[in-house]
C-alpha atoms as a PDB file:
ATOM      1  CA  UNK A   1     -16.965   6.065 -13.587  1.00  0.00           C
ATOM      2  CA  UNK A   2     -21.090   5.377 -14.608  1.00  0.00           C
ATOM      3  CA  UNK A   3     -21.556   1.202 -13.760  1.00  0.00           C
ATOM      4  CA  UNK A   4     -24.733  -0.418 -14.946  1.00  0.00           C
ATOM      5  CA  UNK A   5     -25.496  -3.313 -12.342  1.00  0.00           C
ATOM      6  CA  UNK A   6     -27.642  -5.904 -14.910  1.00  0.00           C
ATOM      7  CA  UNK A   7     -29.219  -7.754 -12.317  1.00  0.00           C
ATOM      8  CA  UNK A   8     -31.243  -9.817 -14.603  1.00  0.00           C
ATOM      9  CA  UNK A   9     -32.371 -13.788 -15.287  1.00  0.00           C
ATOM     10  CA  UNK A  10     -30.968 -15.448 -18.144  1.00  0.00           C
ATOM     11  CA  UNK A  11     -32.476 -17.912 -20.474  1.00  0.00           C
ATOM     12  CA  UNK A  12     -31.121 -21.445 -19.461  1.00  0.00           C
ATOM     13  CA  UNK A  13     -28.690 -22.579 -22.774  1.00  0.00           C
ATOM     14  CA  UNK A  14     -30.291 -19.576 -25.193  1.00  0.00           C
ATOM     15  CA  UNK A  15     -26.886 -17.988 -25.208  1.00  0.00           C
ATOM     16  CA  UNK A  16     -28.546 -16.178 -29.136  1.00  0.00           C
ATOM     17  CA  UNK A  17     -31.010 -14.483 -26.649  1.00  0.00           C
ATOM     18  CA  UNK A  18     -29.049 -13.701 -23.738  1.00  0.00           C
ATOM     19  CA  UNK A  19     -26.279 -12.099 -25.993  1.00  0.00           C
ATOM     20  CA  UNK A  20     -29.635 -10.035 -27.327  1.00  0.00           C
ATOM     21  CA  UNK A  21     -29.684  -8.781 -23.876  1.00  0.00           C
ATOM     22  CA  UNK A  22     -26.571  -8.524 -23.314  1.00  0.00           C
ATOM     23  CA  UNK A  23     -26.670  -5.823 -26.399  1.00  0.00           C
ATOM     24  CA  UNK A  24     -29.974  -4.309 -25.002  1.00  0.00           C
ATOM     25  CA  UNK A  25     -28.649  -3.193 -22.278  1.00  0.00           C
ATOM     26  CA  UNK A  26     -25.323  -2.217 -22.267  1.00  0.00           C
ATOM     27  CA  UNK A  27     -26.868   0.202 -25.144  1.00  0.00           C
ATOM     28  CA  UNK A  28     -29.657   1.750 -23.214  1.00  0.00           C
ATOM     29  CA  UNK A  29     -27.366   1.972 -19.500  1.00  0.00           C
ATOM     30  CA  UNK A  30     -25.067   4.295 -21.973  1.00  0.00           C
ATOM     31  CA  UNK A  31     -22.986   3.397 -19.351  1.00  0.00           C
ATOM     32  CA  UNK A  32     -18.769   3.468 -18.752  1.00  0.00           C
ATOM     33  CA  UNK A  33     -19.175  -0.094 -17.260  1.00  0.00           C
ATOM     34  CA  UNK A  34     -21.667  -2.632 -17.459  1.00  0.00           C
ATOM     35  CA  UNK A  35     -21.769  -5.416 -15.894  1.00  0.00           C
ATOM     36  CA  UNK A  36     -23.796  -8.927 -15.680  1.00  0.00           C
ATOM     37  CA  UNK A  37     -24.194 -11.853 -14.052  1.00  0.00           C
ATOM     38  CA  UNK A  38     -22.252 -15.194 -13.795  1.00  0.00           C
ATOM     39  CA  UNK A  39     -23.020 -17.593 -16.025  1.00  0.00           C
ATOM     40  CA  UNK A  40     -25.408 -15.163 -17.560  1.00  0.00           C
ATOM     41  CA  UNK A  41     -24.726 -15.741 -21.456  1.00  0.00           C
ATOM     42  CA  UNK A  42     -25.750 -19.995 -20.817  1.00  0.00           C
ATOM     43  CA  UNK A  43     -27.634 -20.059 -17.745  1.00  0.00           C
ATOM     44  CA  UNK A  44     -26.746 -21.649 -14.595  1.00  0.00           C
ATOM     45  CA  UNK A  45     -28.175 -25.122 -14.482  1.00  0.00           C
ATOM     46  CA  UNK A  46     -27.648 -26.694 -17.374  1.00  0.00           C
ATOM     47  CA  UNK A  47     -25.279 -29.018 -16.552  1.00  0.00           C
ATOM     48  CA  UNK A  48     -23.070 -31.441 -19.162  1.00  0.00           C
ATOM     49  CA  UNK A  49     -23.898 -28.778 -22.140  1.00  0.00           C
ATOM     50  CA  UNK A  50     -21.328 -26.622 -20.214  1.00  0.00           C
ATOM     51  CA  UNK A  51     -19.292 -27.788 -22.528  1.00  0.00           C
ATOM     52  CA  UNK A  52     -21.679 -27.850 -25.824  1.00  0.00           C
ATOM     53  CA  UNK A  53     -22.458 -23.931 -24.758  1.00  0.00           C
ATOM     54  CA  UNK A  54     -18.481 -23.249 -23.835  1.00  0.00           C
ATOM     55  CA  UNK A  55     -17.257 -20.287 -24.924  1.00  0.00           C
ATOM     56  CA  UNK A  56     -13.943 -20.182 -27.626  1.00  0.00           C
ATOM     57  CA  UNK A  57     -11.871 -16.817 -27.399  1.00  0.00           C
ATOM     58  CA  UNK A  58     -12.532 -15.705 -31.416  1.00  0.00           C
ATOM     59  CA  UNK A  59     -15.913 -17.394 -32.238  1.00  0.00           C
ATOM     60  CA  UNK A  60     -19.301 -15.714 -33.299  1.00  0.00           C
ATOM     61  CA  UNK A  61     -20.051 -14.602 -30.033  1.00  0.00           C
ATOM     62  CA  UNK A  62     -17.091 -13.452 -28.451  1.00  0.00           C
ATOM     63  CA  UNK A  63     -17.030 -11.601 -31.679  1.00  0.00           C
ATOM     64  CA  UNK A  64     -20.014  -9.824 -30.685  1.00  0.00           C
ATOM     65  CA  UNK A  65     -19.266  -8.916 -27.205  1.00  0.00           C
ATOM     66  CA  UNK A  66     -15.712  -6.921 -28.959  1.00  0.00           C
ATOM     67  CA  UNK A  67     -17.909  -5.297 -31.274  1.00  0.00           C
ATOM     68  CA  UNK A  68     -20.584  -4.067 -28.830  1.00  0.00           C
ATOM     69  CA  UNK A  69     -17.882  -3.211 -26.461  1.00  0.00           C
ATOM     70  CA  UNK A  70     -16.319  -1.026 -29.325  1.00  0.00           C
ATOM     71  CA  UNK A  71     -19.637   0.286 -31.109  1.00  0.00           C
ATOM     72  CA  UNK A  72     -20.890   1.243 -27.361  1.00  0.00           C
ATOM     73  CA  UNK A  73     -16.887   2.334 -26.072  1.00  0.00           C
ATOM     74  CA  UNK A  74     -18.287   0.226 -22.663  1.00  0.00           C
ATOM     75  CA  UNK A  75     -16.515  -2.348 -21.004  1.00  0.00           C
ATOM     76  CA  UNK A  76     -19.199  -5.305 -20.840  1.00  0.00           C
ATOM     77  CA  UNK A  77     -18.783  -7.468 -17.941  1.00  0.00           C
ATOM     78  CA  UNK A  78     -20.526 -10.753 -18.261  1.00  0.00           C
ATOM     79  CA  UNK A  79     -19.752 -14.347 -17.343  1.00  0.00           C
ATOM     80  CA  UNK A  80     -20.325 -17.093 -19.038  1.00  0.00           C
ATOM     81  CA  UNK A  81     -17.920 -20.828 -19.678  1.00  0.00           C
ATOM     82  CA  UNK A  82     -15.193 -20.519 -21.570  1.00  0.00           C
ATOM     83  CA  UNK A  83     -12.659 -23.941 -23.461  1.00  0.00           C
ATOM     84  CA  UNK A  84      -9.870 -24.073 -21.891  1.00  0.00           C
ATOM     85  CA  UNK A  85      -7.215 -23.203 -24.460  1.00  0.00           C
ATOM     86  CA  UNK A  86      -4.989 -25.546 -22.459  1.00  0.00           C
ATOM     87  CA  UNK A  87      -6.203 -28.962 -21.904  1.00  0.00           C
ATOM     88  CA  UNK A  88      -9.253 -30.242 -24.172  1.00  0.00           C
ATOM     89  CA  UNK A  89     -12.234 -30.437 -22.973  1.00  0.00           C
ATOM     90  CA  UNK A  90     -11.468 -28.591 -19.723  1.00  0.00           C
ATOM     91  CA  UNK A  91     -13.531 -25.537 -18.644  1.00  0.00           C
ATOM     92  CA  UNK A  92     -13.572 -22.539 -17.071  1.00  0.00           C
ATOM     93  CA  UNK A  93     -16.586 -20.385 -15.192  1.00  0.00           C
ATOM     94  CA  UNK A  94     -15.829 -17.204 -16.415  1.00  0.00           C
ATOM     95  CA  UNK A  95     -15.752 -13.217 -16.089  1.00  0.00           C
ATOM     96  CA  UNK A  96     -15.550 -11.871 -19.547  1.00  0.00           C
ATOM     97  CA  UNK A  97     -14.633  -8.123 -19.767  1.00  0.00           C
ATOM     98  CA  UNK A  98     -15.561  -6.967 -23.363  1.00  0.00           C
ATOM     99  CA  UNK A  99     -12.986  -3.558 -23.685  1.00  0.00           C
ATOM    100  CA  UNK A 100     -13.777  -0.271 -25.718  1.00  0.00           C
ATOM    101  CA  UNK A 101     -10.319  -1.278 -27.527  1.00  0.00           C
ATOM    102  CA  UNK A 102     -11.539  -4.265 -28.933  1.00  0.00           C
ATOM    103  CA  UNK A 103      -9.903  -6.260 -26.182  1.00  0.00           C
ATOM    104  CA  UNK A 104     -11.096  -9.816 -23.995  1.00  0.00           C
ATOM    105  CA  UNK A 105      -9.599 -10.049 -20.218  1.00  0.00           C
ATOM    106  CA  UNK A 106     -10.507 -12.817 -18.472  1.00  0.00           C
ATOM    107  CA  UNK A 107     -10.947 -13.751 -14.989  1.00  0.00           C
ATOM    108  CA  UNK A 108     -11.277 -17.433 -14.477  1.00  0.00           C
ATOM    109  CA  UNK A 109     -13.462 -18.063 -11.224  1.00  0.00           C
ATOM    110  CA  UNK A 110     -10.955 -19.883  -8.218  1.00  0.00           C
ATOM    111  CA  UNK A 111     -13.543 -21.605  -5.966  1.00  0.00           C
ATOM    112  CA  UNK A 112     -14.925 -24.245  -7.176  1.00  0.00           C
ATOM    113  CA  UNK A 113     -18.273 -25.007  -4.668  1.00  0.00           C
ATOM    114  CA  UNK A 114     -19.371 -28.406  -4.722  1.00  0.00           C
ATOM    115  CA  UNK A 115     -22.466 -28.435  -1.761  1.00  0.00           C
ATOM    116  CA  UNK A 116     -25.447 -28.678  -1.798  1.00  0.00           C
ATOM    117  CA  UNK A 117     -27.088 -28.293  -5.418  1.00  0.00           C
ATOM    118  CA  UNK A 118     -23.947 -26.697  -6.813  1.00  0.00           C
ATOM    119  CA  UNK A 119     -22.018 -29.226  -8.838  1.00  0.00           C
ATOM    120  CA  UNK A 120     -19.473 -26.692 -10.596  1.00  0.00           C
ATOM    121  CA  UNK A 121     -16.612 -28.542  -8.667  1.00  0.00           C
ATOM    122  CA  UNK A 122     -17.382 -31.500 -10.937  1.00  0.00           C
ATOM    123  CA  UNK A 123     -18.088 -29.257 -14.725  1.00  0.00           C
ATOM    124  CA  UNK A 124     -15.562 -26.031 -14.399  1.00  0.00           C
ATOM    125  CA  UNK A 125     -11.978 -25.934 -14.107  1.00  0.00           C
ATOM    126  CA  UNK A 126     -10.458 -23.280 -11.046  1.00  0.00           C
ATOM    127  CA  UNK A 127      -6.997 -21.153 -11.211  1.00  0.00           C
ATOM    128  CA  UNK A 128      -5.506 -19.988  -8.086  1.00  0.00           C
ATOM    129  CA  UNK A 129      -4.286 -16.230  -9.778  1.00  0.00           C
ATOM    130  CA  UNK A 130      -5.972 -12.915 -10.103  1.00  0.00           C
ATOM    131  CA  UNK A 131      -5.183  -9.999 -11.247  1.00  0.00           C
ATOM    132  CA  UNK A 132      -6.884  -6.663 -11.967  1.00  0.00           C
ATOM    133  CA  UNK A 133      -7.568  -5.479 -15.411  1.00  0.00           C
ATOM    134  CA  UNK A 134      -6.792  -1.944 -16.772  1.00  0.00           C
ATOM    135  CA  UNK A 135      -9.549   0.005 -17.725  1.00  0.00           C
ATOM    136  CA  UNK A 136      -8.501   3.706 -18.914  1.00  0.00           C
ATOM    137  CA  UNK A 137      -6.759   5.336 -15.743  1.00  0.00           C
ATOM    138  CA  UNK A 138      -8.048   2.495 -13.536  1.00  0.00           C
ATOM    139  CA  UNK A 139      -7.434  -0.775 -12.373  1.00  0.00           C
ATOM    140  CA  UNK A 140     -10.852  -3.333 -11.564  1.00  0.00           C
ATOM    141  CA  UNK A 141     -10.271  -6.731 -10.400  1.00  0.00           C
ATOM    142  CA  UNK A 142     -12.748  -9.558 -11.030  1.00  0.00           C
ATOM    143  CA  UNK A 143     -14.356 -11.552  -8.877  1.00  0.00           C
ATOM    144  CA  UNK A 144     -17.020 -14.460  -9.473  1.00  0.00           C
ATOM    145  CA  UNK A 145     -19.565 -15.457  -6.468  1.00  0.00           C
ATOM    146  CA  UNK A 146     -17.999 -17.919  -3.985  1.00  0.00           C
ATOM    147  CA  UNK A 147     -14.148 -16.345  -4.487  1.00  0.00           C
ATOM    148  CA  UNK A 148     -15.878 -13.702  -2.309  1.00  0.00           C
ATOM    149  CA  UNK A 149     -15.539 -16.019   0.573  1.00  0.00           C
ATOM    150  CA  UNK A 150     -12.412 -15.825   0.602  1.00  0.00           C
ATOM    151  CA  UNK A 151     -10.307 -12.463   1.414  1.00  0.00           C
ATOM    152  CA  UNK A 152      -7.450 -13.513   0.040  1.00  0.00           C
ATOM    153  CA  UNK A 153      -8.416 -13.082  -3.602  1.00  0.00           C
ATOM    154  CA  UNK A 154      -9.658  -9.940  -2.806  1.00  0.00           C
ATOM    155  CA  UNK A 155      -6.701  -8.756  -1.113  1.00  0.00           C
ATOM    156  CA  UNK A 156      -4.607 -10.430  -3.527  1.00  0.00           C
ATOM    157  CA  UNK A 157      -6.497  -8.063  -6.730  1.00  0.00           C
ATOM    158  CA  UNK A 158      -5.594  -4.693  -4.272  1.00  0.00           C
ATOM    159  CA  UNK A 159      -2.085  -5.574  -3.971  1.00  0.00           C
ATOM    160  CA  UNK A 160      -1.581  -6.094  -7.327  1.00  0.00           C
ATOM    161  CA  UNK A 161      -3.218  -2.144  -7.587  1.00  0.00           C
ATOM    162  CA  UNK A 162      -7.142  -2.761  -8.159  1.00  0.00           C
ATOM    163  CA  UNK A 163      -8.943   0.265  -7.430  1.00  0.00           C
ATOM    164  CA  UNK A 164     -12.499  -1.528  -8.135  1.00  0.00           C
ATOM    165  CA  UNK A 165     -13.557  -4.542  -6.609  1.00  0.00           C
ATOM    166  CA  UNK A 166     -16.379  -6.438  -9.109  1.00  0.00           C
ATOM    167  CA  UNK A 167     -18.160  -9.191  -8.484  1.00  0.00           C
ATOM    168  CA  UNK A 168     -20.816 -11.398 -10.527  1.00  0.00           C
ATOM    169  CA  UNK A 169     -22.924 -13.581  -9.029  1.00  0.00           C
ATOM    170  CA  UNK A 170     -25.485 -16.033  -9.411  1.00  0.00           C
ATOM    171  CA  UNK A 171     -25.940 -16.896  -5.809  1.00  0.00           C
ATOM    172  CA  UNK A 172     -29.489 -18.140  -4.029  1.00  0.00           C
ATOM    173  CA  UNK A 173     -31.707 -16.698  -2.295  1.00  0.00           C
ATOM    174  CA  UNK A 174     -30.482 -18.514   1.048  1.00  0.00           C
ATOM    175  CA  UNK A 175     -26.410 -16.994   0.400  1.00  0.00           C
ATOM    176  CA  UNK A 176     -28.294 -13.127  -0.086  1.00  0.00           C
ATOM    177  CA  UNK A 177     -27.755 -11.862   4.247  1.00  0.00           C
ATOM    178  CA  UNK A 178     -23.687 -13.927   3.408  1.00  0.00           C
ATOM    179  CA  UNK A 179     -23.142 -11.376   0.999  1.00  0.00           C
ATOM    180  CA  UNK A 180     -24.868  -8.237   2.447  1.00  0.00           C
ATOM    181  CA  UNK A 181     -22.289  -9.053   5.070  1.00  0.00           C
ATOM    182  CA  UNK A 182     -18.827  -9.654   3.065  1.00  0.00           C
ATOM    183  CA  UNK A 183     -19.409  -7.324   0.853  1.00  0.00           C
ATOM    184  CA  UNK A 184     -19.003  -4.298   2.379  1.00  0.00           C
ATOM    185  CA  UNK A 185     -16.327  -5.846   4.887  1.00  0.00           C
ATOM    186  CA  UNK A 186     -14.009  -6.952   1.413  1.00  0.00           C
ATOM    187  CA  UNK A 187     -14.372  -2.860   0.988  1.00  0.00           C
ATOM    188  CA  UNK A 188     -13.381  -1.339   3.825  1.00  0.00           C
ATOM    189  CA  UNK A 189     -10.947  -4.592   4.541  1.00  0.00           C
ATOM    190  CA  UNK A 190      -9.110  -3.324   1.735  1.00  0.00           C
ATOM    191  CA  UNK A 191     -10.023   0.126   1.117  1.00  0.00           C
ATOM    192  CA  UNK A 192     -11.446   0.044  -2.285  1.00  0.00           C
ATOM    193  CA  UNK A 193     -15.123   0.074  -3.753  1.00  0.00           C
ATOM    194  CA  UNK A 194     -16.560  -3.261  -4.370  1.00  0.00           C
ATOM    195  CA  UNK A 195     -19.793  -3.638  -7.064  1.00  0.00           C
ATOM    196  CA  UNK A 196     -21.632  -6.766  -6.822  1.00  0.00           C
ATOM    197  CA  UNK A 197     -24.159  -8.339  -9.451  1.00  0.00           C
ATOM    198  CA  UNK A 198     -25.860 -11.278  -8.854  1.00  0.00           C
ATOM    199  CA  UNK A 199     -29.003 -12.890 -11.279  1.00  0.00           C
ATOM    200  CA  UNK A 200     -32.397 -13.475 -10.179  1.00  0.00           C
ATOM    201  CA  UNK A 201     -34.958 -15.746 -11.692  1.00  0.00           C
ATOM    202  CA  UNK A 202     -35.060 -19.796 -10.758  1.00  0.00           C
ATOM    203  CA  UNK A 203     -33.550 -22.391 -12.462  1.00  0.00           C
ATOM    204  CA  UNK A 204     -34.342 -26.370 -11.983  1.00  0.00           C
ATOM    205  CA  UNK A 205     -35.604 -25.158  -8.555  1.00  0.00           C
ATOM    206  CA  UNK A 206     -32.919 -22.938  -7.219  1.00  0.00           C
ATOM    207  CA  UNK A 207     -34.228 -19.760  -6.712  1.00  0.00           C
ATOM    208  CA  UNK A 208     -31.407 -16.495  -6.642  1.00  0.00           C
ATOM    209  CA  UNK A 209     -31.638 -14.093  -4.807  1.00  0.00           C
ATOM    210  CA  UNK A 210     -30.311 -10.462  -6.296  1.00  0.00           C
ATOM    211  CA  UNK A 211     -29.420  -8.151  -3.929  1.00  0.00           C
ATOM    212  CA  UNK A 212     -27.134  -5.948  -6.836  1.00  0.00           C
ATOM    213  CA  UNK A 213     -25.428  -3.504  -5.205  1.00  0.00           C
ATOM    214  CA  UNK A 214     -22.746  -0.909  -4.317  1.00  0.00           C
ATOM    215  CA  UNK A 215     -20.889   0.163  -1.988  1.00  0.00           C
ATOM    216  CA  UNK A 216     -17.346   2.728  -1.031  1.00  0.00           C
ATOM    217  CA  UNK A 217     -14.441   2.024  -0.098  1.00  0.00           C
ATOM    218  CA  UNK A 218     -15.631   2.397   3.836  1.00  0.00           C
ATOM    219  CA  UNK A 219     -17.731   0.184   3.094  1.00  0.00           C
ATOM    220  CA  UNK A 220     -21.233   2.358   3.151  1.00  0.00           C
ATOM    221  CA  UNK A 221     -24.024   1.475   0.838  1.00  0.00           C
ATOM    222  CA  UNK A 222     -23.331   3.587  -2.683  1.00  0.00           C
ATOM    223  CA  UNK A 223     -26.959   5.446  -4.551  1.00  0.00           C
ATOM    224  CA  UNK A 224     -28.019   3.468  -7.580  1.00  0.00           C
ATOM    225  CA  UNK A 225     -30.385   4.815 -10.104  1.00  0.00           C
ATOM    226  CA  UNK A 226     -32.999   2.584 -11.515  1.00  0.00           C
ATOM    227  CA  UNK A 227     -32.925   2.973 -15.961  1.00  0.00           C
ATOM    228  CA  UNK A 228     -36.429   2.688 -16.384  1.00  0.00           C
ATOM    229  CA  UNK A 229     -37.008   2.160 -20.245  1.00  0.00           C
ATOM    230  CA  UNK A 230     -36.542  -0.776 -20.509  1.00  0.00           C
ATOM    231  CA  UNK A 231     -38.538  -4.244 -20.524  1.00  0.00           C
ATOM    232  CA  UNK A 232     -37.474  -6.295 -17.610  1.00  0.00           C
ATOM    233  CA  UNK A 233     -39.409  -9.851 -15.546  1.00  0.00           C
ATOM    234  CA  UNK A 234     -40.047 -10.189 -12.294  1.00  0.00           C
ATOM    235  CA  UNK A 235     -37.071  -8.943  -9.655  1.00  0.00           C
ATOM    236  CA  UNK A 236     -35.236  -8.101 -12.356  1.00  0.00           C
ATOM    237  CA  UNK A 237     -33.529  -4.582 -12.339  1.00  0.00           C
ATOM    238  CA  UNK A 238     -30.837  -2.448 -14.742  1.00  0.00           C
ATOM    239  CA  UNK A 239     -29.440   0.502 -12.073  1.00  0.00           C
ATOM    240  CA  UNK A 240     -26.629   3.124 -12.303  1.00  0.00           C
ATOM    241  CA  UNK A 241     -23.627   4.016  -9.854  1.00  0.00           C
ATOM    242  CA  UNK A 242     -21.708   6.517  -9.336  1.00  0.00           C
ATOM    243  CA  UNK A 243     -17.908   4.988  -8.390  1.00  0.00           C
ATOM    244  CA  UNK A 244     -14.690   7.528  -8.131  1.00  0.00           C
ATOM    245  CA  UNK A 245     -12.087   5.456  -9.590  1.00  0.00           C
ATOM    246  CA  UNK A 246     -10.203   7.834  -6.501  1.00  0.00           C
ATOM    247  CA  UNK A 247     -11.999   7.082  -3.788  1.00  0.00           C
ATOM    248  CA  UNK A 248      -9.400   3.993  -2.614  1.00  0.00           C
ATOM    249  CA  UNK A 249      -6.700   6.615  -2.564  1.00  0.00           C
ATOM    250  CA  UNK A 250      -8.453   8.930  -0.702  1.00  0.00           C
ATOM    251  CA  UNK A 251      -9.767   6.482   2.160  1.00  0.00           C
ATOM    252  CA  UNK A 252      -6.180   3.958   2.121  1.00  0.00           C
ATOM    253  CA  UNK A 253      -4.283   6.808   3.548  1.00  0.00           C
ATOM    254  CA  UNK A 254      -6.747   7.016   7.004  1.00  0.00           C
ATOM    255  CA  UNK A 255      -7.283   3.067   6.982  1.00  0.00           C
ATOM    256  CA  UNK A 256      -3.951   2.337   5.416  1.00  0.00           C
ATOM    257  CA  UNK A 257      -4.302  -1.540   5.777  1.00  0.00           C
ATOM    258  CA  UNK A 258      -2.849  -2.342   2.545  1.00  0.00           C
ATOM    259  CA  UNK A 259       0.093  -0.411   3.615  1.00  0.00           C
ATOM    260  CA  UNK A 260       0.172  -2.871   6.771  1.00  0.00           C
ATOM    261  CA  UNK A 261      -0.184  -5.974   5.238  1.00  0.00           C
ATOM    262  CA  UNK A 262       2.618  -4.665   2.256  1.00  0.00           C
ATOM    263  CA  UNK A 263       4.916  -4.274   5.215  1.00  0.00           C
ATOM    264  CA  UNK A 264       5.469  -7.682   7.297  1.00  0.00           C
ATOM    265  CA  UNK A 265       7.905 -10.374   6.429  1.00  0.00           C
ATOM    266  CA  UNK A 266       6.264 -13.671   4.959  1.00  0.00           C
ATOM    267  CA  UNK A 267       5.182 -16.754   6.889  1.00  0.00           C
ATOM    268  CA  UNK A 268       8.312 -18.665   8.338  1.00  0.00           C
ATOM    269  CA  UNK A 269       9.631 -21.582   6.742  1.00  0.00           C
ATOM    270  CA  UNK A 270       7.871 -25.082   8.854  1.00  0.00           C
ATOM    271  CA  UNK A 271      10.157 -26.073  11.738  1.00  0.00           C
ATOM    272  CA  UNK A 272      11.959 -30.348  10.896  1.00  0.00           C
ATOM    273  CA  UNK A 273      10.882 -32.565  13.675  1.00  0.00           C
END
């Protein structure tokens, strides 16, 4: 499976221009799966404008993503705010996957940071579940940035059959060393390849740290190949990586963490005093 890692900087608040970059990058990269950062369609530091900019299933932007995926026969994963269909006025921080079939799959961010310059808890509604999406014969789990710090998110996806984890992110440069450690750990503890796409650029004083990459099921970094036919800004890059969907199946018998976890009994009931 060929993946394109689009480490780009969005234009804050300009969904149309950011969508055009999604189109151009996807068409140029020629991958099976093209991945863009967290909240790429709107930018990260737009505050209350997330409510105005939030996507709705069936609107012009989501239909454009569907059309692009069908045209290129590529699955496109991109971060965007998505309006809740359950409670009006609420917005999700979501990873949206437009499948080559034209279907749309959504994974909502589970953990919303509320420290430092991050205000996500005041802006978005979280979810408490994750499920993988089927891409042909492979199951792929999607995570959004801070979710990576909670190992139960990756574990739930792996136990549900995910053979690849894809993490989209808008992490600052100060967090880069933490992700450098966490991502290969998530690969090792679940016996599954991990792909990470973080954005770059500066918004409202926040410097985003890049560091996009891929690791195999043993936590070893995978080589990437730059796509050099594109016009890119400072720190931006588009690179492709080959992921073997059978990597997890081959490796897990030698390090059967998932088998051993699944065979354990559940937690004991609480003791009454």
